[in-house]
């Protein structure tokens, strides 16, 4: 009986070793328009589903942009960053009465890598230039 319990416990440990959340990357950066910091907006990173899948199994991340135009992403777990992988990026106003001064393309995507990711977003009238990305694993 003792051996059986030890075997069941070991099996549980092995099976749960893969349990837990997705691998996360620390993501921060700036949002600017015409070289000036953009404030009063929220940055959203929504995971892109793998090919052939209709949804991603990881959480979306968001970050409120501060008075310096800087953001840091988190999910529902404080300061955890964003899931590693491709994300669709969008920016919305935190005050619906004030529009975002520029925009990103509708299908704008970035890739979050393990470790520290600095992703600066330069909004443009019409469509944006691509982000400046610095992934340091």
Protein backbone atom coordinates (compact mmCIF):
# COMPACT_ATOMS: atom_id res chain seq x y z
CA UNK A 1 0.00 0.00 0.00
CA UNK A 2 2.82 2.38 0.90
CA UNK A 3 4.54 1.72 -2.45
CA UNK A 4 1.27 2.32 -4.31
CA UNK A 5 0.74 5.68 -2.59
CA UNK A 6 4.31 6.71 -3.36
CA UNK A 7 3.81 5.68 -6.99
CA UNK A 8 0.56 7.64 -7.27
CA UNK A 9 2.19 10.70 -5.67
CA UNK A 10 5.16 10.48 -8.05
CA UNK A 11 2.84 10.11 -11.04
CA UNK A 12 0.90 13.19 -9.92
CA UNK A 13 4.11 15.22 -9.63
CA UNK A 14 5.26 14.13 -13.09
CA UNK A 15 1.89 14.86 -14.70
CA UNK A 16 1.61 18.29 -13.09
CA UNK A 17 5.16 19.32 -13.92
CA UNK A 18 3.79 20.63 -17.23
CA UNK A 19 0.89 22.34 -15.49
CA UNK A 20 0.87 26.05 -14.85
CA UNK A 21 0.66 29.13 -16.97
CA UNK A 22 2.22 30.00 -20.26
CA UNK A 23 5.79 31.21 -20.49
CA UNK A 24 5.75 34.98 -19.97
CA UNK A 25 7.92 37.84 -21.19
CA UNK A 26 8.39 41.21 -19.50
CA UNK A 27 7.02 43.80 -21.93
CA UNK A 28 7.35 47.57 -21.68
CA UNK A 29 7.80 50.46 -24.05
CA UNK A 30 6.55 53.84 -25.13
CA UNK A 31 3.71 55.14 -27.26
CA UNK A 32 4.35 58.30 -29.27
CA UNK A 33 2.83 60.37 -32.06
CA UNK A 34 4.95 62.77 -34.11
CA UNK A 35 7.78 62.13 -31.63
CA UNK A 36 5.74 63.26 -28.59
CA UNK A 37 4.54 60.92 -25.81
CA UNK A 38 0.92 59.79 -26.07
CA UNK A 39 -0.99 59.72 -22.78
CA UNK A 40 -4.50 58.71 -21.79
CA UNK A 41 -4.41 55.44 -23.74
CA UNK A 42 -4.26 51.73 -23.00
CA UNK A 43 -2.12 49.25 -24.98
CA UNK A 44 -3.59 45.76 -25.55
CA UNK A 45 -1.69 42.64 -26.64
CA UNK A 46 -4.06 39.85 -27.69
CA UNK A 47 -2.45 36.43 -28.34
CA UNK A 48 -2.72 35.22 -31.94
CA UNK A 49 -4.09 31.66 -32.17
CA UNK A 50 -1.72 29.01 -33.55
CA UNK A 51 -2.31 28.03 -37.20
CA UNK A 52 -5.44 25.91 -37.52
CA UNK A 53 -6.80 27.03 -34.14
CA UNK A 54 -9.68 29.45 -33.55
CA UNK A 55 -8.44 30.82 -30.22
CA UNK A 56 -5.24 31.23 -28.22
CA UNK A 57 -4.94 29.39 -24.91
CA UNK A 58 -3.18 32.33 -23.23
CA UNK A 59 -4.45 35.54 -21.65
CA UNK A 60 -4.48 38.95 -23.26
CA UNK A 61 -2.24 41.58 -21.64
CA UNK A 62 -2.71 45.31 -21.26
CA UNK A 63 -0.89 48.35 -19.95
CA UNK A 64 -2.05 51.85 -19.17
CA UNK A 65 0.24 54.51 -20.63
CA UNK A 66 1.59 56.96 -18.03
CA UNK A 67 2.26 60.71 -18.28
CA UNK A 68 5.64 60.01 -19.92
CA UNK A 69 4.10 57.84 -22.65
CA UNK A 70 5.43 54.63 -21.06
CA UNK A 71 3.60 51.36 -20.47
CA UNK A 72 4.27 47.96 -18.88
CA UNK A 73 2.06 44.99 -19.72
CA UNK A 74 0.26 42.74 -17.28
CA UNK A 75 -2.58 40.22 -17.36
CA UNK A 76 -4.98 39.59 -14.50
CA UNK A 77 -1.90 38.63 -12.44
CA UNK A 78 -0.14 41.85 -11.44
CA UNK A 79 3.12 42.67 -13.25
CA UNK A 80 3.39 39.32 -15.04
CA UNK A 81 3.98 40.67 -18.56
CA UNK A 82 2.55 38.98 -21.66
CA UNK A 83 2.55 35.40 -22.90
CA UNK A 84 5.45 34.46 -25.17
CA UNK A 85 4.34 34.33 -28.81
CA UNK A 86 2.65 36.49 -31.43
CA UNK A 87 0.16 39.16 -30.40
CA UNK A 88 -2.21 41.49 -32.19
CA UNK A 89 -1.64 45.00 -30.80
CA UNK A 90 -4.29 47.67 -30.37
CA UNK A 91 -4.51 50.99 -28.58
CA UNK A 92 -7.65 52.57 -27.16
CA UNK A 93 -8.38 55.77 -25.32
CA UNK A 94 -8.84 55.50 -21.56
CA UNK A 95 -11.23 58.47 -21.89
CA UNK A 96 -13.74 57.78 -24.65
CA UNK A 97 -14.32 61.51 -25.15
CA UNK A 98 -10.68 61.90 -26.32
CA UNK A 99 -9.66 59.96 -29.43
CA UNK A 100 -6.26 58.32 -29.88
CA UNK A 101 -4.19 60.79 -31.97
CA UNK A 102 -2.94 58.16 -34.42
CA UNK A 103 -3.43 54.53 -35.24
CA UNK A 104 -1.89 51.13 -35.87
CA UNK A 105 -2.85 48.91 -38.82
CA UNK A 106 -5.81 46.62 -38.07
CA UNK A 107 -3.63 43.50 -38.32
CA UNK A 108 -0.60 44.94 -36.48
CA UNK A 109 1.33 42.15 -34.69
CA UNK A 110 4.47 41.74 -32.60
CA UNK A 111 6.22 38.74 -31.08
CA UNK A 112 6.91 38.55 -27.35
CA UNK A 113 10.00 36.52 -26.49
CA UNK A 114 11.15 35.13 -23.12
CA UNK A 115 12.94 37.72 -21.00
CA UNK A 116 12.79 41.48 -21.40
CA UNK A 117 11.00 42.99 -24.42
CA UNK A 118 11.02 46.71 -25.18
CA UNK A 119 8.36 47.49 -27.78
CA UNK A 120 8.02 51.17 -28.69
CA UNK A 121 4.94 52.08 -30.71
CA UNK A 122 5.01 55.14 -33.00
CA UNK A 123 1.49 56.09 -34.05
CA UNK A 124 0.97 57.84 -37.37
CA UNK A 125 -1.88 59.68 -38.99
CA UNK A 126 -3.47 56.91 -41.00
CA UNK A 127 -1.33 53.82 -40.52
CA UNK A 128 1.64 53.48 -38.17
CA UNK A 129 5.26 52.67 -38.79
CA UNK A 130 6.29 49.31 -37.39
CA UNK A 131 7.31 49.05 -33.74
CA UNK A 132 10.86 49.40 -32.52
CA UNK A 133 11.47 46.08 -30.77
CA UNK A 134 14.33 45.09 -28.50
CA UNK A 135 14.04 41.49 -27.29
CA UNK A 136 16.78 40.64 -24.81
CA UNK A 137 16.40 37.04 -23.62
